[in-house]
Structure formats: structure tokens, C-alpha cells
Amino acid sequence: MKSLKVLILLLLVLPVVLNAQEHRKQKELGITSQNLTLENFGITYKFGKPAAMWRINALTIRGLSDEFGFSEFSLKREKTNQSITIGIGREYRKKINDDFEFRYGLDVSFGYSKFKSEQSNEDFSDQNRIIEQDAFSPKVNMIVGINYVFKNNIVIGLEVLPGFQYRYSTATRINNTEEEKQESNVFQFGIGNDIGMLSLAYRF
């Protein structure tokens, strides 16, 4: 847990230090959507020179809450899923023409997610169960993408983020009165759940 706090502190402090050291000529602020869908939104901030910019993808948060029940069976189920990802990176840009830019670089990020599923039945206690899972995911991704620049200020971006990801998770399952704990270590290279990203930003 101590190393986790140090990592988060570095992710928050490093961009401030870099921002103070580099003479900024261009900035961009916008929103992002992971997995090339409109489901998971985040915030992106970029600063630096037009040909080389630092990027911060902070507070990429998603939450899911689902609750339903069957009154005739006294059965209730509830699921919640939340996650947050904080990352920093460096991207380089090459102008293709007046409207398009090619960009490439490297991202380092850290993600945390929490999932909980709870089922209860007032009439049949043997159907009561709780599942809780916590997962930690440090990642290193390459950046390969393209920008469409509209009237010099609106930037629509599309990028893919192949790379390396390590995921450590702990799960607790409680069935009535029995409790079971599990740990999992997963390494992924190349294609992961967050390989694609759409962005819409304002340049100033």
C-alpha cells in the first residue's frame, strides 16, 4: 500500500515539475473515451511545443450500479463496479497537411478497480452470497494515432495503445457463512481492454 501511495504521488507531482521546466507554447484540454466506445469517459490535458507535448490522462473513471429483485422469491441482487486510471506520457507530432497530424509516443499509467456483487434471499439463506474484487493495473503503452484539427482549435483524435500491462487482483467470495479468498496475477502484452481511445479537445 505504501508503494501505491508513492506511485500516485509521483503521477500527480511529476507533471507539475515538467510543466514548470518547459516553456509552453501550446495546450489542449478535452475529454476521452476508451475502448473506441461512448461508455468510459475521462479527461485529458496536454502541454508543450506543437511537435512534442506532455500528456496527462487523469481521472478516467467509470461506474456501474445495477440492482434488481424478484419480490415473489424474496431475491435481491446488486452489482457495483468502479475504476480510476491516472496516467502521464509524452507524444510527438508530425504534420501531414493543414488538417491532419500523425502522433506517436509512450504512456505510463496506473489503474485501480473495485467490483462487488451481492445476492440475498430472505427465505433461502443458502442463496446468500457476496463477491468482492480489487484489482491494480500498472501499464506501459505505446501511442500511435492521428489528429484532425478543425479551424486550428478543435482537435479530434484517434489512437491505439498497444503495450504491456500487469494486473494483480484479490477476490473474496462469501457463500452464506463460508468465505474463500483468491489472488490473481495476469500479464498482457499487445492487446488489452483499453487499447483504443477517442478524444475531443480544445487547443489554446
Foldseek 3Di string as FASTA:
>chain_A
DVVVVVVVVCLVVVVVVVVVVADWDKKKKWKKDFPPDPAWIWIKIWTHDPFKIKMKTFFRKHKDWDKDADVVQQKIKIKMKMKTKIKIWMKGWDDPDPFKIWIKTKMKMKMKMKIKMWMQTPVDLQATKIKIKIKIKIWMWIWTWMWTADPNWKIKIKIFTFGKMWMKMKMWMQRNHDIDIDIDIDIDGGDDSGGIMIIIITMD
